[in-house]
Amino acid sequence: LPIFGPDVGQSHTRYQELLISFLQSGGKVIDSVTWHQYYLDGRTASAKDFLNPDVLDSLIMKIKEVAQIVEKTVPGKMVWLGETSSTYGGGTPGLSNTYIDGFMWLDKLGLAAKLGIDVVMRQAFFGTGSYNLV
């Protein structure tokens, strides 16, 4: 069975330290490195944010940060987006669970593929609440 982890949160300094520590200790035994990515706080995000190129392009820097840490610590290890959606904190009612989020999702899938991320796991694809896409 494949093993993946550590599923760290956003790649801020504290999480970068956790990722580095995990990879130094157990990086050789996992098959893929996983992390979480959300663009915005679900309580404050607006429709304008969902279409803002600066917001969308912030994923590029985050993927590069994580990939750089992985390559320095456990070269050649695959990197997966283990949990993701548009906004954290339960999503944004009326936005992250509607048509407008589709643009953000498609952009994320395209950028991830372009930057070498083979697997992208959405927080919730179907169901109730504000994380779901359908």
Protein backbone atom coordinates (compact mmCIF):
# COMPACT_ATOMS: atom_id res chain seq x y z
CA LEU A 1 0.00 0.00 0.00
CA PRO A 2 1.24 3.48 -0.79
CA ILE A 3 1.98 5.73 2.14
CA PHE A 4 1.71 9.49 1.88
CA GLY A 5 1.95 12.42 4.26
CA PRO A 6 2.43 14.47 6.34
CA ASP A 7 -0.52 16.53 5.04
CA VAL A 8 0.77 19.78 6.52
CA GLY A 9 -1.26 22.98 6.30
CA GLN A 10 -0.44 26.06 4.28
CA SER A 11 3.26 26.48 3.57
CA HIS A 12 3.93 29.27 6.10
CA THR A 13 7.13 29.22 8.13
CA ARG A 14 5.76 27.02 10.93
CA TYR A 15 4.44 24.48 8.47
CA GLN A 16 7.64 24.58 6.46
CA GLU A 17 9.55 23.68 9.62
CA LEU A 18 7.13 20.83 10.33
CA LEU A 19 7.44 19.56 6.75
CA ILE A 20 11.24 19.65 6.85
CA SER A 21 11.32 17.87 10.21
CA PHE A 22 8.90 15.19 9.02
CA LEU A 23 10.80 14.61 5.77
CA GLN A 24 14.15 14.38 7.58
CA SER A 25 12.72 11.77 9.95
CA GLY A 26 10.40 9.75 7.72
CA GLY A 27 10.59 11.10 4.21
CA LYS A 28 12.26 8.00 2.82
CA VAL A 29 9.38 5.69 3.81
CA ILE A 30 6.54 7.65 2.21
CA ASP A 31 5.63 7.43 -1.45
CA SER A 32 4.30 10.98 -1.81
CA VAL A 33 4.52 14.21 0.14
CA THR A 34 1.14 15.82 0.82
CA TRP A 35 0.17 19.32 1.90
CA HIS A 36 -2.92 21.54 2.07
CA GLN A 37 -3.62 24.67 0.05
CA TYR A 38 -6.45 27.19 0.26
CA TYR A 39 -6.39 30.61 -1.34
CA LEU A 40 -8.50 32.68 1.05
CA ASP A 41 -10.28 32.91 4.39
CA GLY A 42 -13.83 31.70 3.80
CA ARG A 43 -15.25 34.34 6.15
CA THR A 44 -13.89 37.28 4.18
CA ALA A 45 -13.54 36.12 0.55
CA SER A 46 -15.53 37.93 -2.13
CA ALA A 47 -16.63 37.02 -5.66
CA LYS A 48 -13.95 39.38 -6.96
CA ASP A 49 -11.28 37.32 -5.14
CA PHE A 50 -12.38 34.15 -6.94
CA LEU A 51 -11.48 35.69 -10.31
CA ASN A 52 -8.46 37.75 -9.23
CA PRO A 53 -5.33 36.65 -11.18
CA ASP A 54 -3.09 37.59 -8.23
CA VAL A 55 -5.06 35.27 -5.94
CA LEU A 56 -5.04 32.46 -8.52
CA ASP A 57 -1.32 32.85 -9.21
CA SER A 58 -0.46 32.65 -5.49
CA LEU A 59 -0.64 28.88 -5.95
CA ILE A 60 2.47 29.00 -8.15
CA MET A 61 4.65 30.31 -5.33
CA LYS A 62 3.20 27.82 -2.82
CA ILE A 63 3.81 24.83 -5.09
CA LYS A 64 7.36 26.00 -5.75
CA GLU A 65 8.03 26.47 -2.01
CA VAL A 66 6.87 22.97 -1.15
CA ALA A 67 8.63 21.40 -4.15
CA GLN A 68 11.88 23.11 -3.19
CA ILE A 69 11.70 21.79 0.38
CA VAL A 70 10.94 18.29 -0.86
CA GLU A 71 13.71 18.34 -3.45
CA LYS A 72 16.28 19.50 -0.85
CA THR A 73 15.15 16.97 1.75
CA VAL A 74 14.06 13.86 -0.18
CA PRO A 75 15.03 14.39 -3.83
CA GLY A 76 12.72 12.86 -6.42
CA LYS A 77 9.79 12.33 -4.07
CA MET A 78 6.36 13.01 -5.61
CA VAL A 79 4.38 15.97 -4.25
CA TRP A 80 0.59 15.83 -4.02
CA LEU A 81 -1.94 18.43 -3.01
CA GLY A 82 -3.53 16.30 -0.30
CA GLU A 83 -6.36 18.64 0.65
CA THR A 84 -7.51 21.73 -1.15
CA SER A 85 -10.41 23.96 -2.07
CA SER A 86 -10.83 27.67 -2.66
CA THR A 87 -11.34 29.01 0.87
CA TYR A 88 -10.57 27.64 4.32
CA GLY A 89 -12.70 27.74 7.44
CA GLY A 90 -15.63 25.84 5.98
CA GLY A 91 -15.67 27.53 2.59
CA THR A 92 -17.55 30.63 1.53
CA PRO A 93 -21.33 30.08 1.37
CA GLY A 94 -22.70 31.14 -1.99
CA LEU A 95 -19.26 31.25 -3.61
CA SER A 96 -17.01 28.22 -2.95
CA ASN A 97 -19.95 25.91 -3.57
CA THR A 98 -21.18 27.60 -6.77
CA TYR A 99 -20.32 28.04 -10.43
CA ILE A 100 -17.78 30.81 -9.79
CA ASP A 101 -15.54 28.37 -7.90
CA GLY A 102 -15.27 26.26 -11.04
CA PHE A 103 -12.91 28.82 -12.56
CA MET A 104 -10.64 28.71 -9.52
CA TRP A 105 -10.74 24.89 -9.50
CA LEU A 106 -9.86 24.58 -13.20
CA ASP A 107 -7.03 27.09 -12.81
CA LYS A 108 -5.71 25.10 -9.82
CA LEU A 109 -5.79 21.83 -11.77
CA GLY A 110 -3.99 23.40 -14.73
CA LEU A 111 -1.29 25.08 -12.64
CA ALA A 112 -0.77 21.96 -10.56
CA ALA A 113 -0.30 19.83 -13.68
CA LYS A 114 2.02 22.42 -15.25
CA LEU A 115 4.16 22.51 -12.10
CA GLY A 116 4.45 18.72 -11.70
CA ILE A 117 1.71 17.94 -9.18
CA ASP A 118 0.21 14.60 -10.27
CA VAL A 119 -2.55 14.34 -7.66
CA VAL A 120 -4.92 17.05 -6.42
CA MET A 121 -7.47 16.06 -3.75
CA ARG A 122 -10.38 18.44 -3.28
CA GLN A 123 -11.67 18.88 0.29
CA ALA A 124 -15.17 17.87 -0.86
CA PHE A 125 -16.34 17.30 -4.40
CA PHE A 126 -19.97 16.46 -3.75
CA GLY A 127 -22.31 17.00 -0.82
CA THR A 128 -23.63 19.63 1.47
CA GLY A 129 -21.83 22.58 2.95
CA SER A 130 -19.65 25.18 1.31
CA TYR A 131 -16.60 23.12 0.34
CA ASN A 132 -18.34 21.02 -2.28
CA LEU A 133 -17.99 21.74 -5.99
CA VAL A 134 -21.16 19.95 -7.08
